[in-house]
PDB file of N, CA and C in Angstrom:
ATOM      1  N   MET A   1      71.675-106.273  99.140  1.00  0.00           N
ATOM      2  CA  MET A   1      70.527-105.898  98.668  1.00  0.00           C
ATOM      3  C   MET A   1      70.416-107.576  98.946  1.00  0.00           C
ATOM      4  N   PRO A   2      69.886-108.383  99.657  1.00  0.00           N
ATOM      5  CA  PRO A   2      69.357-109.824  99.511  1.00  0.00           C
ATOM      6  C   PRO A   2      68.583-109.879  98.089  1.00  0.00           C
ATOM      7  N   GLN A   3      68.371-111.048  97.206  1.00  0.00           N
ATOM      8  CA  GLN A   3      67.464-111.579  96.695  1.00  0.00           C
ATOM      9  C   GLN A   3      67.249-112.920  96.585  1.00  0.00           C
ATOM     10  N   SER A   4      66.392-113.484  96.141  1.00  0.00           N
ATOM     11  CA  SER A   4      66.456-114.890  95.762  1.00  0.00           C
ATOM     12  C   SER A   4      65.497-115.596  94.903  1.00  0.00           C
ATOM     13  N   SER A   5      65.114-116.755  94.391  1.00  0.00           N
ATOM     14  CA  SER A   5      64.248-117.072  93.542  1.00  0.00           C
ATOM     15  C   SER A   5      64.787-118.284  93.636  1.00  0.00           C
ATOM     16  N   GLY A   6      63.695-119.317  93.947  1.00  0.00           N
ATOM     17  CA  GLY A   6      63.501-120.845  94.166  1.00  0.00           C
ATOM     18  C   GLY A   6      64.711-121.100  95.179  1.00  0.00           C
ATOM     19  N   GLY A   7      64.420-120.789  96.012  1.00  0.00           N
ATOM     20  CA  GLY A   7      65.069-120.613  97.133  1.00  0.00           C
ATOM     21  C   GLY A   7      66.729-120.949  96.921  1.00  0.00           C
ATOM     22  N   ARG A   8      67.671-120.272  95.800  1.00  0.00           N
ATOM     23  CA  ARG A   8      68.291-120.140  95.823  1.00  0.00           C
ATOM     24  C   ARG A   8      68.195-118.459  96.063  1.00  0.00           C
ATOM     25  N   PRO A   9      69.059-117.984  97.264  1.00  0.00           N
ATOM     26  CA  PRO A   9      69.301-116.404  97.358  1.00  0.00           C
ATOM     27  C   PRO A   9      70.704-116.306  97.210  1.00  0.00           C
ATOM     28  N   VAL A  10      70.942-114.696  96.430  1.00  0.00           N
ATOM     29  CA  VAL A  10      71.880-114.260  95.625  1.00  0.00           C
ATOM     30  C   VAL A  10      71.580-112.693  96.772  1.00  0.00           C
ATOM     31  N   ARG A  11      73.447-112.561  97.345  1.00  0.00           N
ATOM     32  CA  ARG A  11      73.301-110.939  97.894  1.00  0.00           C
ATOM     33  C   ARG A  11      74.069-110.764  97.708  1.00  0.00           C
ATOM     34  N   ILE A  12      73.811-109.141  97.087  1.00  0.00           N
ATOM     35  CA  ILE A  12      75.054-108.158  96.811  1.00  0.00           C
ATOM     36  C   ILE A  12      75.396-107.266  97.620  1.00  0.00           C
ATOM     37  N   ASP A  13      76.744-107.327  98.454  1.00  0.00           N
ATOM     38  CA  ASP A  13      77.139-106.173  99.343  1.00  0.00           C
ATOM     39  C   ASP A  13      77.564-105.327  98.655  1.00  0.00           C
ATOM     40  N   THR A  14      77.584-103.963  98.769  1.00  0.00           N
ATOM     41  CA  THR A  14      78.535-102.733  98.767  1.00  0.00           C
ATOM     42  C   THR A  14      79.681-101.917  99.644  1.00  0.00           C
ATOM     43  N   ARG A  15      81.244-101.302  99.615  1.00  0.00           N
ATOM     44  CA  ARG A  15      81.475-101.029  99.511  1.00  0.00           C
ATOM     45  C   ARG A  15      82.536-100.202  98.816  1.00  0.00           C
ATOM     46  N   GLN A  16      83.578 -99.521  99.478  1.00  0.00           N
ATOM     47  CA  GLN A  16      84.475 -98.880  99.090  1.00  0.00           C
ATOM     48  C   GLN A  16      85.469 -98.826  99.261  1.00  0.00           C
ATOM     49  N   ASP A  17      86.597 -99.207  98.508  1.00  0.00           N
ATOM     50  CA  ASP A  17      88.151 -99.680  98.876  1.00  0.00           C
ATOM     51  C   ASP A  17      89.112 -98.709  98.188  1.00  0.00           C
ATOM     52  N   ARG A  18      89.738 -98.410  98.821  1.00  0.00           N
ATOM     53  CA  ARG A  18      90.830 -97.168  98.614  1.00  0.00           C
ATOM     54  C   ARG A  18      90.336 -97.021  97.099  1.00  0.00           C
ATOM     55  N   GLY A  19      89.073 -96.443  96.929  1.00  0.00           N
ATOM     56  CA  GLY A  19      88.980 -95.912  95.314  1.00  0.00           C
ATOM     57  C   GLY A  19      87.992 -96.359  94.169  1.00  0.00           C
ATOM     58  N   ALA A  20      87.863 -97.707  94.998  1.00  0.00           N
ATOM     59  CA  ALA A  20      87.432 -98.830  94.269  1.00  0.00           C
ATOM     60  C   ALA A  20      85.894 -99.026  94.402  1.00  0.00           C
ATOM     61  N   LEU A  21      84.920 -99.856  93.858  1.00  0.00           N
ATOM     62  CA  LEU A  21      83.853 -99.906  94.531  1.00  0.00           C
ATOM     63  C   LEU A  21      83.491-101.546  94.096  1.00  0.00           C
ATOM     64  N   VAL A  22      83.764-102.085  95.644  1.00  0.00           N
ATOM     65  CA  VAL A  22      83.697-103.425  95.610  1.00  0.00           C
ATOM     66  C   VAL A  22      82.070-104.275  96.040  1.00  0.00           C
ATOM     67  N   LEU A  23      81.969-105.397  94.893  1.00  0.00           N
ATOM     68  CA  LEU A  23      81.113-106.190  95.340  1.00  0.00           C
ATOM     69  C   LEU A  23      81.284-107.107  95.963  1.00  0.00           C
ATOM     70  N   VAL A  24      80.864-107.310  96.741  1.00  0.00           N
ATOM     71  CA  VAL A  24      80.803-109.059  97.286  1.00  0.00           C
ATOM     72  C   VAL A  24      79.464-109.994  96.745  1.00  0.00           C
ATOM     73  N   VAL A  25      79.559-110.460  95.918  1.00  0.00           N
ATOM     74  CA  VAL A  25      78.071-111.859  95.148  1.00  0.00           C
ATOM     75  C   VAL A  25      78.588-112.889  96.340  1.00  0.00           C
ATOM     76  N   THR A  26      77.745-112.816  97.084  1.00  0.00           N
ATOM     77  CA  THR A  26      77.406-114.416  97.750  1.00  0.00           C
ATOM     78  C   THR A  26      76.124-114.797  96.635  1.00  0.00           C
ATOM     79  N   GLY A  27      75.871-116.521  97.147  1.00  0.00           N
ATOM     80  CA  GLY A  27      75.122-117.122  96.572  1.00  0.00           C
ATOM     81  C   GLY A  27      74.986-118.049  95.152  1.00  0.00           C
ATOM     82  N   GLN A  28      74.152-118.403  94.135  1.00  0.00           N
ATOM     83  CA  GLN A  28      73.770-119.273  93.315  1.00  0.00           C
ATOM     84  C   GLN A  28      73.357-117.714  92.464  1.00  0.00           C
ATOM     85  N   LEU A  29      74.314-118.020  91.257  1.00  0.00           N
ATOM     86  CA  LEU A  29      74.005-116.706  90.354  1.00  0.00           C
ATOM     87  C   LEU A  29      73.382-117.793  89.157  1.00  0.00           C
ATOM     88  N   ASP A  30      72.000-118.033  88.910  1.00  0.00           N
ATOM     89  CA  ASP A  30      72.120-118.448  87.648  1.00  0.00           C
ATOM     90  C   ASP A  30      70.764-118.035  86.551  1.00  0.00           C
ATOM     91  N   LEU A  31      70.104-118.137  85.461  1.00  0.00           N
ATOM     92  CA  LEU A  31      69.308-117.412  84.763  1.00  0.00           C
ATOM     93  C   LEU A  31      67.931-117.029  85.663  1.00  0.00           C
ATOM     94  N   ASP A  32      67.329-117.534  86.608  1.00  0.00           N
ATOM     95  CA  ASP A  32      66.709-117.559  87.754  1.00  0.00           C
ATOM     96  C   ASP A  32      66.261-116.366  88.570  1.00  0.00           C
ATOM     97  N   ASN A  33      68.239-116.042  88.966  1.00  0.00           N
ATOM     98  CA  ASN A  33      68.193-114.836  90.036  1.00  0.00           C
ATOM     99  C   ASN A  33      69.578-114.136  89.953  1.00  0.00           C
ATOM    100  N   VAL A  34      70.001-113.615  88.193  1.00  0.00           N
ATOM    101  CA  VAL A  34      71.636-112.780  88.652  1.00  0.00           C
ATOM    102  C   VAL A  34      71.262-112.024  88.201  1.00  0.00           C
ATOM    103  N   ALA A  35      69.636-111.183  87.176  1.00  0.00           N
ATOM    104  CA  ALA A  35      68.799-109.947  87.707  1.00  0.00           C
ATOM    105  C   ALA A  35      70.025-108.860  88.904  1.00  0.00           C
ATOM    106  N   PRO A  36      70.020-109.328  89.559  1.00  0.00           N
ATOM    107  CA  PRO A  36      70.224-108.528  90.734  1.00  0.00           C
ATOM    108  C   PRO A  36      71.453-107.965  90.171  1.00  0.00           C
ATOM    109  N   LEU A  37      72.203-108.868  90.102  1.00  0.00           N
ATOM    110  CA  LEU A  37      74.395-108.229  89.601  1.00  0.00           C
ATOM    111  C   LEU A  37      74.095-107.567  88.208  1.00  0.00           C
ATOM    112  N   ASP A  38      73.281-108.044  87.154  1.00  0.00           N
ATOM    113  CA  ASP A  38      73.021-107.339  85.786  1.00  0.00           C
ATOM    114  C   ASP A  38      72.569-105.966  85.957  1.00  0.00           C
ATOM    115  N   GLU A  39      71.748-105.719  86.830  1.00  0.00           N
ATOM    116  CA  GLU A  39      71.173-104.296  87.145  1.00  0.00           C
ATOM    117  C   GLU A  39      72.125-103.105  87.639  1.00  0.00           C
ATOM    118  N   THR A  40      72.887-103.965  88.886  1.00  0.00           N
ATOM    119  CA  THR A  40      73.741-103.506  89.675  1.00  0.00           C
ATOM    120  C   THR A  40      74.912-103.142  89.226  1.00  0.00           C
ATOM    121  N   LEU A  41      75.312-103.815  87.892  1.00  0.00           N
ATOM    122  CA  LEU A  41      76.451-103.342  87.248  1.00  0.00           C
ATOM    123  C   LEU A  41      75.835-102.396  86.165  1.00  0.00           C
ATOM    124  N   GLN A  42      75.113-102.932  85.886  1.00  0.00           N
ATOM    125  CA  GLN A  42      73.765-101.521  84.725  1.00  0.00           C
ATOM    126  C   GLN A  42      74.657 -99.995  85.287  1.00  0.00           C
ATOM    127  N   GLN A  43      73.701 -99.705  86.609  1.00  0.00           N
ATOM    128  CA  GLN A  43      73.783 -99.211  87.642  1.00  0.00           C
ATOM    129  C   GLN A  43      75.039 -98.445  87.202  1.00  0.00           C
ATOM    130  N   VAL A  44      76.085 -99.298  88.403  1.00  0.00           N
ATOM    131  CA  VAL A  44      77.145 -98.188  88.432  1.00  0.00           C
ATOM    132  C   VAL A  44      77.826 -98.027  86.976  1.00  0.00           C
ATOM    133  N   ALA A  45      78.285 -98.010  85.690  1.00  0.00           N
ATOM    134  CA  ALA A  45      78.430 -97.840  84.503  1.00  0.00           C
ATOM    135  C   ALA A  45      77.520 -96.620  84.223  1.00  0.00           C
ATOM    136  N   ARG A  46      76.168 -96.916  84.842  1.00  0.00           N
ATOM    137  CA  ARG A  46      75.908 -95.174  84.393  1.00  0.00           C
ATOM    138  C   ARG A  46      76.506 -94.176  85.265  1.00  0.00           C
ATOM    139  N   ASP A  47      76.858 -94.747  86.262  1.00  0.00           N
ATOM    140  CA  ASP A  47      76.361 -93.312  87.875  1.00  0.00           C
ATOM    141  C   ASP A  47      77.809 -93.612  88.113  1.00  0.00           C
ATOM    142  N   GLY A  48      78.652 -93.797  87.885  1.00  0.00           N
ATOM    143  CA  GLY A  48      80.327 -94.574  89.062  1.00  0.00           C
ATOM    144  C   GLY A  48      81.230 -94.064  87.664  1.00  0.00           C
ATOM    145  N   ASP A  49      82.338 -94.059  88.664  1.00  0.00           N
ATOM    146  CA  ASP A  49      83.481 -93.316  88.540  1.00  0.00           C
ATOM    147  C   ASP A  49      85.038 -94.261  88.623  1.00  0.00           C
ATOM    148  N   GLY A  50      85.366 -94.466  88.077  1.00  0.00           N
ATOM    149  CA  GLY A  50      87.057 -95.500  89.078  1.00  0.00           C
ATOM    150  C   GLY A  50      86.234 -96.888  89.057  1.00  0.00           C
ATOM    151  N   PRO A  51      86.845 -97.696  89.459  1.00  0.00           N
ATOM    152  CA  PRO A  51      87.382 -99.384  88.952  1.00  0.00           C
ATOM    153  C   PRO A  51      85.721 -99.676  90.543  1.00  0.00           C
ATOM    154  N   VAL A  52      85.255-100.500  88.858  1.00  0.00           N
ATOM    155  CA  VAL A  52      84.646-101.632  89.979  1.00  0.00           C
ATOM    156  C   VAL A  52      84.818-103.097  90.147  1.00  0.00           C
ATOM    157  N   VAL A  53      85.370-103.521  91.269  1.00  0.00           N
ATOM    158  CA  VAL A  53      85.693-104.855  91.865  1.00  0.00           C
ATOM    159  C   VAL A  53      84.450-105.424  91.310  1.00  0.00           C
ATOM    160  N   VAL A  54      84.704-106.937  91.543  1.00  0.00           N
ATOM    161  CA  VAL A  54      83.441-107.677  91.336  1.00  0.00           C
ATOM    162  C   VAL A  54      84.167-109.354  92.360  1.00  0.00           C
ATOM    163  N   ASP A  55      83.872-109.329  94.230  1.00  0.00           N
ATOM    164  CA  ASP A  55      84.825-110.296  94.459  1.00  0.00           C
ATOM    165  C   ASP A  55      83.417-110.776  94.928  1.00  0.00           C
ATOM    166  N   LEU A  56      83.876-112.473  93.522  1.00  0.00           N
ATOM    167  CA  LEU A  56      83.404-113.752  93.453  1.00  0.00           C
ATOM    168  C   LEU A  56      83.564-114.461  94.245  1.00  0.00           C
ATOM    169  N   SER A  57      84.701-114.628  95.161  1.00  0.00           N
ATOM    170  CA  SER A  57      84.669-115.709  95.943  1.00  0.00           C
ATOM    171  C   SER A  57      83.355-116.565  97.478  1.00  0.00           C
ATOM    172  N   ALA A  58      82.834-116.086  97.010  1.00  0.00           N
ATOM    173  CA  ALA A  58      81.558-116.938  97.347  1.00  0.00           C
ATOM    174  C   ALA A  58      80.153-116.985  96.534  1.00  0.00           C
ATOM    175  N   VAL A  59      80.423-116.854  95.594  1.00  0.00           N
ATOM    176  CA  VAL A  59      79.652-117.607  94.000  1.00  0.00           C
ATOM    177  C   VAL A  59      79.460-119.138  94.318  1.00  0.00           C
ATOM    178  N   ALA A  60      78.719-120.057  94.192  1.00  0.00           N
ATOM    179  CA  ALA A  60      78.157-121.183  94.608  1.00  0.00           C
ATOM    180  C   ALA A  60      78.443-121.887  93.369  1.00  0.00           C
ATOM    181  N   PHE A  61      77.628-120.964  92.300  1.00  0.00           N
ATOM    182  CA  PHE A  61      77.194-121.604  91.496  1.00  0.00           C
ATOM    183  C   PHE A  61      77.061-120.494  90.446  1.00  0.00           C
ATOM    184  N   ALA A  62      76.867-120.809  89.274  1.00  0.00           N
ATOM    185  CA  ALA A  62      76.885-119.912  88.080  1.00  0.00           C
ATOM    186  C   ALA A  62      77.462-120.727  86.384  1.00  0.00           C
ATOM    187  N   ASP A  63      75.940-119.583  85.809  1.00  0.00           N
ATOM    188  CA  ASP A  63      75.882-120.716  84.591  1.00  0.00           C
ATOM    189  C   ASP A  63      75.999-119.187  83.128  1.00  0.00           C
ATOM    190  N   SER A  64      75.773-120.238  81.492  1.00  0.00           N
ATOM    191  CA  SER A  64      75.685-118.582  81.249  1.00  0.00           C
ATOM    192  C   SER A  64      75.406-117.468  81.424  1.00  0.00           C
ATOM    193  N   ALA A  65      73.918-117.672  81.387  1.00  0.00           N
ATOM    194  CA  ALA A  65      73.680-116.438  82.205  1.00  0.00           C
ATOM    195  C   ALA A  65      74.915-115.750  82.730  1.00  0.00           C
ATOM    196  N   THR A  66      75.428-116.061  83.429  1.00  0.00           N
ATOM    197  CA  THR A  66      76.166-114.987  84.656  1.00  0.00           C
ATOM    198  C   THR A  66      77.345-114.713  83.759  1.00  0.00           C
ATOM    199  N   VAL A  67      77.666-115.089  82.348  1.00  0.00           N
ATOM    200  CA  VAL A  67      78.418-115.077  81.412  1.00  0.00           C
ATOM    201  C   VAL A  67      78.288-114.240  80.748  1.00  0.00           C
ATOM    202  N   ASN A  68      76.710-114.012  80.563  1.00  0.00           N
ATOM    203  CA  ASN A  68      76.500-113.032  79.617  1.00  0.00           C
ATOM    204  C   ASN A  68      76.178-111.486  80.293  1.00  0.00           C
ATOM    205  N   VAL A  69      75.655-111.772  81.041  1.00  0.00           N
ATOM    206  CA  VAL A  69      75.611-110.555  82.815  1.00  0.00           C
ATOM    207  C   VAL A  69      77.791-109.624  82.683  1.00  0.00           C
ATOM    208  N   LEU A  70      77.811-110.319  82.951  1.00  0.00           N
ATOM    209  CA  LEU A  70      79.796-110.276  83.237  1.00  0.00           C
ATOM    210  C   LEU A  70      80.518-109.781  81.681  1.00  0.00           C
ATOM    211  N   LEU A  71      79.707-110.400  80.603  1.00  0.00           N
ATOM    212  CA  LEU A  71      80.679-109.399  79.050  1.00  0.00           C
ATOM    213  C   LEU A  71      79.930-108.050  78.912  1.00  0.00           C
ATOM    214  N   ARG A  72      78.373-107.693  79.723  1.00  0.00           N
ATOM    215  CA  ARG A  72      77.769-106.841  79.513  1.00  0.00           C
ATOM    216  C   ARG A  72      78.453-105.741  80.766  1.00  0.00           C
ATOM    217  N   ALA A  73      78.645-106.240  81.373  1.00  0.00           N
ATOM    218  CA  ALA A  73      79.002-105.160  82.916  1.00  0.00           C
ATOM    219  C   ALA A  73      81.053-105.050  81.306  1.00  0.00           C
ATOM    220  N   HIS A  74      81.087-106.099  81.175  1.00  0.00           N
ATOM    221  CA  HIS A  74      82.647-105.465  81.207  1.00  0.00           C
ATOM    222  C   HIS A  74      82.811-104.573  79.461  1.00  0.00           C
ATOM    223  N   ASP A  75      81.053-105.154  78.300  1.00  0.00           N
ATOM    224  CA  ASP A  75      81.091-103.847  76.941  1.00  0.00           C
ATOM    225  C   ASP A  75      80.546-102.603  78.119  1.00  0.00           C
ATOM    226  N   ALA A  76      80.257-102.424  79.218  1.00  0.00           N
ATOM    227  CA  ALA A  76      80.363-100.988  79.539  1.00  0.00           C
ATOM    228  C   ALA A  76      81.007-100.160  80.740  1.00  0.00           C
ATOM    229  N   LEU A  77      81.983-100.789  81.000  1.00  0.00           N
ATOM    230  CA  LEU A  77      82.198-100.226  82.113  1.00  0.00           C
ATOM    231  C   LEU A  77      84.140-100.589  81.618  1.00  0.00           C
ATOM    232  N   GLY A  78      84.211-101.291  80.401  1.00  0.00           N
ATOM    233  CA  GLY A  78      85.363-100.920  80.334  1.00  0.00           C
ATOM    234  C   GLY A  78      86.599-101.501  80.934  1.00  0.00           C
ATOM    235  N   THR A  79      87.608-101.430  81.342  1.00  0.00           N
ATOM    236  CA  THR A  79      89.542-101.530  82.163  1.00  0.00           C
ATOM    237  C   THR A  79      88.353-101.759  83.559  1.00  0.00           C
ATOM    238  N   ALA A  80      87.044-100.744  83.416  1.00  0.00           N
ATOM    239  CA  ALA A  80      86.792-100.506  84.723  1.00  0.00           C
ATOM    240  C   ALA A  80      86.435-101.388  86.163  1.00  0.00           C
ATOM    241  N   LEU A  81      86.145-102.143  84.649  1.00  0.00           N
ATOM    242  CA  LEU A  81      85.374-103.682  85.814  1.00  0.00           C
ATOM    243  C   LEU A  81      86.789-104.366  85.893  1.00  0.00           C
ATOM    244  N   ARG A  82      86.818-105.447  87.151  1.00  0.00           N
ATOM    245  CA  ARG A  82      88.094-106.313  87.727  1.00  0.00           C
ATOM    246  C   ARG A  82      87.260-106.976  88.767  1.00  0.00           C
ATOM    247  N   LEU A  83      86.913-108.217  87.857  1.00  0.00           N
ATOM    248  CA  LEU A  83      86.918-109.689  88.953  1.00  0.00           C
ATOM    249  C   LEU A  83      87.825-110.141  89.511  1.00  0.00           C
ATOM    250  N   ALA A  84      87.332-110.521  90.741  1.00  0.00           N
ATOM    251  CA  ALA A  84      88.943-110.708  91.390  1.00  0.00           C
ATOM    252  C   ALA A  84      87.541-112.238  92.821  1.00  0.00           C
ATOM    253  N   ALA A  85      89.128-112.815  92.678  1.00  0.00           N
ATOM    254  CA  ALA A  85      88.644-113.563  93.478  1.00  0.00           C
ATOM    255  C   ALA A  85      87.664-115.455  93.506  1.00  0.00           C
ATOM    256  N   PRO A  86      87.905-115.467  91.780  1.00  0.00           N
ATOM    257  CA  PRO A  86      86.271-116.596  91.356  1.00  0.00           C
ATOM    258  C   PRO A  86      86.562-117.595  92.538  1.00  0.00           C
ATOM    259  N   SER A  87      85.363-118.035  92.461  1.00  0.00           N
ATOM    260  CA  SER A  87      85.304-119.643  93.334  1.00  0.00           C
ATOM    261  C   SER A  87      85.989-120.708  92.682  1.00  0.00           C
ATOM    262  N   ALA A  88      86.633-121.900  92.649  1.00  0.00           N
ATOM    263  CA  ALA A  88      86.360-122.357  91.662  1.00  0.00           C
ATOM    264  C   ALA A  88      85.368-122.964  90.425  1.00  0.00           C
ATOM    265  N   VAL A  89      84.455-122.788  91.188  1.00  0.00           N
ATOM    266  CA  VAL A  89      83.608-123.295  89.918  1.00  0.00           C
ATOM    267  C   VAL A  89      83.365-121.900  89.606  1.00  0.00           C
ATOM    268  N   LEU A  90      83.404-121.070  89.593  1.00  0.00           N
ATOM    269  CA  LEU A  90      83.897-120.052  87.820  1.00  0.00           C
ATOM    270  C   LEU A  90      85.571-119.797  87.711  1.00  0.00           C
ATOM    271  N   GLU A  91      86.204-120.255  88.770  1.00  0.00           N
ATOM    272  CA  GLU A  91      87.607-120.456  87.680  1.00  0.00           C
ATOM    273  C   GLU A  91      87.138-121.808  85.919  1.00  0.00           C
ATOM    274  N   ARG A  92      86.724-123.091  86.979  1.00  0.00           N
ATOM    275  CA  ARG A  92      86.265-123.647  85.478  1.00  0.00           C
ATOM    276  C   ARG A  92      85.558-122.926  84.929  1.00  0.00           C
ATOM    277  N   LEU A  93      84.716-122.518  85.090  1.00  0.00           N
ATOM    278  CA  LEU A  93      83.648-121.570  83.805  1.00  0.00           C
ATOM    279  C   LEU A  93      83.814-120.855  83.150  1.00  0.00           C
ATOM    280  N   PHE A  94      85.161-120.234  84.196  1.00  0.00           N
ATOM    281  CA  PHE A  94      86.039-118.999  82.870  1.00  0.00           C
ATOM    282  C   PHE A  94      86.574-120.208  82.301  1.00  0.00           C
ATOM    283  N   ALA A  95      87.287-120.777  82.366  1.00  0.00           N
ATOM    284  CA  ALA A  95      88.294-121.671  81.624  1.00  0.00           C
ATOM    285  C   ALA A  95      87.830-122.466  80.526  1.00  0.00           C
ATOM    286  N   LEU A  96      86.502-122.668  80.707  1.00  0.00           N
ATOM    287  CA  LEU A  96      85.078-123.311  80.071  1.00  0.00           C
ATOM    288  C   LEU A  96      85.088-121.824  78.531  1.00  0.00           C
ATOM    289  N   THR A  97      84.966-121.653  79.201  1.00  0.00           N
ATOM    290  CA  THR A  97      83.772-120.741  78.101  1.00  0.00           C
ATOM    291  C   THR A  97      85.218-119.290  77.489  1.00  0.00           C
ATOM    292  N   GLY A  98      86.286-119.342  78.093  1.00  0.00           N
ATOM    293  CA  GLY A  98      87.425-118.931  77.553  1.00  0.00           C
ATOM    294  C   GLY A  98      87.224-117.097  78.299  1.00  0.00           C
ATOM    295  N   LEU A  99      86.874-117.049  79.198  1.00  0.00           N
ATOM    296  CA  LEU A  99      86.148-115.425  79.581  1.00  0.00           C
ATOM    297  C   LEU A  99      87.949-115.166  80.229  1.00  0.00           C
ATOM    298  N   ASP A 100      88.160-116.030  80.693  1.00  0.00           N
ATOM    299  CA  ASP A 100      89.494-116.376  81.541  1.00  0.00           C
ATOM    300  C   ASP A 100      90.717-115.310  80.547  1.00  0.00           C
ATOM    301  N   THR A 101      90.535-115.047  79.725  1.00  0.00           N
ATOM    302  CA  THR A 101      91.467-114.535  78.394  1.00  0.00           C
ATOM    303  C   THR A 101      90.562-113.140  77.343  1.00  0.00           C
ATOM    304  N   VAL A 102      89.222-112.970  78.304  1.00  0.00           N
ATOM    305  CA  VAL A 102      88.251-111.803  77.948  1.00  0.00           C
ATOM    306  C   VAL A 102      88.598-110.777  78.534  1.00  0.00           C
ATOM    307  N   LEU A 103      88.484-111.068  80.503  1.00  0.00           N
ATOM    308  CA  LEU A 103      88.078-110.740  81.435  1.00  0.00           C
ATOM    309  C   LEU A 103      89.517-110.433  82.200  1.00  0.00           C
ATOM    310  N   PRO A 104      89.618-109.408  82.918  1.00  0.00           N
ATOM    311  CA  PRO A 104      90.663-109.084  83.821  1.00  0.00           C
ATOM    312  C   PRO A 104      90.391-109.635  85.038  1.00  0.00           C
ATOM    313  N   LEU A 105      90.586-110.808  85.411  1.00  0.00           N
ATOM    314  CA  LEU A 105      90.476-111.837  86.084  1.00  0.00           C
ATOM    315  C   LEU A 105      92.235-111.536  87.574  1.00  0.00           C
ATOM    316  N   TYR A 106      91.721-111.458  88.511  1.00  0.00           N
ATOM    317  CA  TYR A 106      92.248-110.885  89.664  1.00  0.00           C
ATOM    318  C   TYR A 106      92.782-112.381  90.465  1.00  0.00           C
ATOM    319  N   GLU A 107      93.625-112.557  91.140  1.00  0.00           N
ATOM    320  CA  GLU A 107      93.973-113.246  92.318  1.00  0.00           C
ATOM    321  C   GLU A 107      93.010-112.911  94.233  1.00  0.00           C
ATOM    322  N   THR A 108      93.088-111.796  94.152  1.00  0.00           N
ATOM    323  CA  THR A 108      92.359-111.417  95.364  1.00  0.00           C
ATOM    324  C   THR A 108      92.013-109.925  94.846  1.00  0.00           C
ATOM    325  N   VAL A 109      90.442-109.652  95.851  1.00  0.00           N
ATOM    326  CA  VAL A 109      90.614-108.019  95.649  1.00  0.00           C
ATOM    327  C   VAL A 109      91.719-106.890  95.793  1.00  0.00           C
ATOM    328  N   GLY A 110      92.295-107.458  96.730  1.00  0.00           N
ATOM    329  CA  GLY A 110      93.566-106.494  96.756  1.00  0.00           C
ATOM    330  C   GLY A 110      93.938-106.592  96.134  1.00  0.00           C
ATOM    331  N   LYS A 111      94.762-107.127  95.266  1.00  0.00           N
ATOM    332  CA  LYS A 111      95.143-107.253  93.873  1.00  0.00           C
ATOM    333  C   LYS A 111      94.350-106.401  92.489  1.00  0.00           C
ATOM    334  N   ALA A 112      92.819-106.777  92.973  1.00  0.00           N
ATOM    335  CA  ALA A 112      92.234-106.018  91.953  1.00  0.00           C
ATOM    336  C   ALA A 112      91.946-104.450  91.933  1.00  0.00           C
ATOM    337  N   VAL A 113      91.628-103.833  93.580  1.00  0.00           N
ATOM    338  CA  VAL A 113      92.176-102.964  93.360  1.00  0.00           C
ATOM    339  C   VAL A 113      93.374-102.161  93.713  1.00  0.00           C
ATOM    340  N   GLU A 114      94.246-102.466  93.929  1.00  0.00           N
ATOM    341  CA  GLU A 114      95.646-101.445  93.180  1.00  0.00           C
ATOM    342  C   GLU A 114      96.136-101.681  92.254  1.00  0.00           C
ATOM    343  N   ALA A 115      95.367-103.150  91.088  1.00  0.00           N
ATOM    344  CA  ALA A 115      95.401-102.910  89.447  1.00  0.00           C
ATOM    345  C   ALA A 115      95.262-101.228  89.112  1.00  0.00           C
TER     346      ALA A 115
END
């Protein structure tokens, strides 16, 4: 489902992988365009069953709005939420905010699916 704000598109593609729903997020996530990710995660929390892996390898930028969305998703999904393959930008953001000690982070999508 492509979305854009201010010329900075974000894309969220979904697929199934060994019983897990994988959300592949591409683009820049900020206050102006993080809503599609929030809406998708909240919908999955309402409707889904099983692990939800968020592939963050293609996220070029993220801000505190993204952190808030991920924390809300964690509240809604609990241990079913798994963040995978964070880009260097997200690794730095997670380390600076301490999110890397709160949310389950996996080096690869495969490891997150298998967990």
